[in-house]
């Protein structure tokens, strides 16, 4: 199964990491897209480390990050700097989508 997770808040980091790790441990693929306040999590090591786990793809809305002055310097190249197109693609590809 492919699980999509739309992150538009920076309030649920422990929940996000728990869901993502549990889904991957069960053999699922996870697609994560951050936008709005959710891009603030790009400054959290626990969040960005998820991108290094096999079976996870992660991207974020560059426009949101710029608008909120989120520091994206030094982010892993495995985290895609993108647009709402990645959100649309995630919604198309995923079997289920969570919004946090």
C-alpha atoms as a PDB file:
ATOM      1  CA  UNK A   1       0.000   0.000   0.000  1.00  0.00           C
ATOM      2  CA  UNK A   2       1.072   3.580  -0.622  1.00  0.00           C
ATOM      3  CA  UNK A   3       0.239   5.957   2.199  1.00  0.00           C
ATOM      4  CA  UNK A   4       0.231   9.673   1.469  1.00  0.00           C
ATOM      5  CA  UNK A   5       0.642  12.139   4.294  1.00  0.00           C
ATOM      6  CA  UNK A   6      -0.080  15.829   3.774  1.00  0.00           C
ATOM      7  CA  UNK A   7       1.602  17.846   6.506  1.00  0.00           C
ATOM      8  CA  UNK A   8       0.108  21.340   6.794  1.00  0.00           C
ATOM      9  CA  UNK A   9       0.725  21.881  10.522  1.00  0.00           C
ATOM     10  CA  UNK A  10       3.852  21.802  12.642  1.00  0.00           C
ATOM     11  CA  UNK A  11       2.022  20.480  15.725  1.00  0.00           C
ATOM     12  CA  UNK A  12       2.155  16.699  15.312  1.00  0.00           C
ATOM     13  CA  UNK A  13       5.800  15.650  14.924  1.00  0.00           C
ATOM     14  CA  UNK A  14       5.671  12.617  17.284  1.00  0.00           C
ATOM     15  CA  UNK A  15       2.469  11.404  15.609  1.00  0.00           C
ATOM     16  CA  UNK A  16       3.955  11.849  12.134  1.00  0.00           C
ATOM     17  CA  UNK A  17       7.171   9.994  12.922  1.00  0.00           C
ATOM     18  CA  UNK A  18       5.250   7.207  14.649  1.00  0.00           C
ATOM     19  CA  UNK A  19       2.819   6.689  11.768  1.00  0.00           C
ATOM     20  CA  UNK A  20       5.555   6.822   9.150  1.00  0.00           C
ATOM     21  CA  UNK A  21       7.847   4.371  10.937  1.00  0.00           C
ATOM     22  CA  UNK A  22       4.963   1.972  11.649  1.00  0.00           C
ATOM     23  CA  UNK A  23       3.784   2.070   8.026  1.00  0.00           C
ATOM     24  CA  UNK A  24       7.260   1.355   6.651  1.00  0.00           C
ATOM     25  CA  UNK A  25       7.831  -1.412   9.210  1.00  0.00           C
ATOM     26  CA  UNK A  26       4.717  -3.101   7.803  1.00  0.00           C
ATOM     27  CA  UNK A  27       6.105  -2.925   4.267  1.00  0.00           C
ATOM     28  CA  UNK A  28       4.168   0.098   3.051  1.00  0.00           C
ATOM     29  CA  UNK A  29       5.497   2.956   0.971  1.00  0.00           C
ATOM     30  CA  UNK A  30       4.990   6.467   2.346  1.00  0.00           C
ATOM     31  CA  UNK A  31       4.786   9.716   0.397  1.00  0.00           C
ATOM     32  CA  UNK A  32       5.069  12.879   2.508  1.00  0.00           C
ATOM     33  CA  UNK A  33       4.281  16.384   1.272  1.00  0.00           C
ATOM     34  CA  UNK A  34       4.694  19.433   3.521  1.00  0.00           C
ATOM     35  CA  UNK A  35       3.029  22.768   2.917  1.00  0.00           C
ATOM     36  CA  UNK A  36       1.973  25.863   4.867  1.00  0.00           C
ATOM     37  CA  UNK A  37       2.956  25.613   8.570  1.00  0.00           C
ATOM     38  CA  UNK A  38       4.062  22.019   7.939  1.00  0.00           C
ATOM     39  CA  UNK A  39       7.173  23.307   6.176  1.00  0.00           C
ATOM     40  CA  UNK A  40       8.434  24.509   9.566  1.00  0.00           C
ATOM     41  CA  UNK A  41       9.106  20.847  10.376  1.00  0.00           C
ATOM     42  CA  UNK A  42      11.919  20.971   7.804  1.00  0.00           C
ATOM     43  CA  UNK A  43      13.960  22.586  10.585  1.00  0.00           C
ATOM     44  CA  UNK A  44      13.418  19.545  12.856  1.00  0.00           C
ATOM     45  CA  UNK A  45      16.059  16.772  12.645  1.00  0.00           C
ATOM     46  CA  UNK A  46      13.553  14.046  13.598  1.00  0.00           C
ATOM     47  CA  UNK A  47      11.348  15.053  10.679  1.00  0.00           C
ATOM     48  CA  UNK A  48      13.974  15.410   7.958  1.00  0.00           C
ATOM     49  CA  UNK A  49      15.613  12.116   8.995  1.00  0.00           C
ATOM     50  CA  UNK A  50      12.482  10.313   7.760  1.00  0.00           C
ATOM     51  CA  UNK A  51      13.577  11.024   4.176  1.00  0.00           C
ATOM     52  CA  UNK A  52      16.561   8.708   4.620  1.00  0.00           C
ATOM     53  CA  UNK A  53      14.404   5.662   5.373  1.00  0.00           C
ATOM     54  CA  UNK A  54      13.912   3.280   2.468  1.00  0.00           C
ATOM     55  CA  UNK A  55      10.316   3.332   1.265  1.00  0.00           C
ATOM     56  CA  UNK A  56       9.734   7.008   2.058  1.00  0.00           C
ATOM     57  CA  UNK A  57       9.646   9.875  -0.396  1.00  0.00           C
ATOM     58  CA  UNK A  58       9.382  13.418   0.888  1.00  0.00           C
ATOM     59  CA  UNK A  59       8.857  16.801  -0.723  1.00  0.00           C
ATOM     60  CA  UNK A  60       7.689  20.257   0.276  1.00  0.00           C
ATOM     61  CA  UNK A  61       6.053  23.329  -1.174  1.00  0.00           C
ATOM     62  CA  UNK A  62       8.877  25.757  -1.835  1.00  0.00           C
ATOM     63  CA  UNK A  63       6.446  28.684  -1.952  1.00  0.00           C
ATOM     64  CA  UNK A  64       5.214  27.924   1.586  1.00  0.00           C
ATOM     65  CA  UNK A  65       8.760  27.556   2.900  1.00  0.00           C
ATOM     66  CA  UNK A  66       9.793  30.889   1.409  1.00  0.00           C
ATOM     67  CA  UNK A  67       6.683  32.679   2.700  1.00  0.00           C
ATOM     68  CA  UNK A  68       7.342  31.395   6.243  1.00  0.00           C
ATOM     69  CA  UNK A  69      11.115  32.003   6.113  1.00  0.00           C
ATOM     70  CA  UNK A  70      11.851  28.324   6.739  1.00  0.00           C
ATOM     71  CA  UNK A  71      15.554  27.504   6.633  1.00  0.00           C
ATOM     72  CA  UNK A  72      15.994  24.844   3.955  1.00  0.00           C
ATOM     73  CA  UNK A  73      19.759  25.237   3.629  1.00  0.00           C
ATOM     74  CA  UNK A  74      21.545  21.930   3.965  1.00  0.00           C
ATOM     75  CA  UNK A  75      18.476  19.749   3.455  1.00  0.00           C
ATOM     76  CA  UNK A  76      19.177  16.335   2.017  1.00  0.00           C
ATOM     77  CA  UNK A  77      18.760  16.093  -1.732  1.00  0.00           C
ATOM     78  CA  UNK A  78      16.346  13.241  -1.020  1.00  0.00           C
ATOM     79  CA  UNK A  79      13.797  15.864   0.100  1.00  0.00           C
ATOM     80  CA  UNK A  80      12.257  17.367  -2.999  1.00  0.00           C
ATOM     81  CA  UNK A  81      11.823  21.104  -3.267  1.00  0.00           C
ATOM     82  CA  UNK A  82       8.612  21.320  -5.212  1.00  0.00           C
ATOM     83  CA  UNK A  83       5.214  22.872  -5.768  1.00  0.00           C
ATOM     84  CA  UNK A  84       1.600  21.878  -5.299  1.00  0.00           C
ATOM     85  CA  UNK A  85       2.120  19.545  -8.245  1.00  0.00           C
ATOM     86  CA  UNK A  86       3.765  17.096  -5.823  1.00  0.00           C
ATOM     87  CA  UNK A  87       0.712  17.316  -3.583  1.00  0.00           C
ATOM     88  CA  UNK A  88      -1.542  16.486  -6.526  1.00  0.00           C
ATOM     89  CA  UNK A  89       0.724  13.630  -7.601  1.00  0.00           C
ATOM     90  CA  UNK A  90       0.734  12.213  -4.061  1.00  0.00           C
ATOM     91  CA  UNK A  91      -3.061  12.303  -3.948  1.00  0.00           C
ATOM     92  CA  UNK A  92      -3.188  10.494  -7.286  1.00  0.00           C
ATOM     93  CA  UNK A  93      -0.605   7.817  -6.404  1.00  0.00           C
ATOM     94  CA  UNK A  94      -1.525   7.072  -2.785  1.00  0.00           C
ATOM     95  CA  UNK A  95      -4.060   4.448  -1.780  1.00  0.00           C
ATOM     96  CA  UNK A  96      -4.882   6.418   1.386  1.00  0.00           C
ATOM     97  CA  UNK A  97      -4.045   9.997   2.402  1.00  0.00           C
ATOM     98  CA  UNK A  98      -3.786  11.404   5.904  1.00  0.00           C
ATOM     99  CA  UNK A  99      -3.790  15.127   6.623  1.00  0.00           C
ATOM    100  CA  UNK A 100      -1.993  16.356   9.724  1.00  0.00           C
END
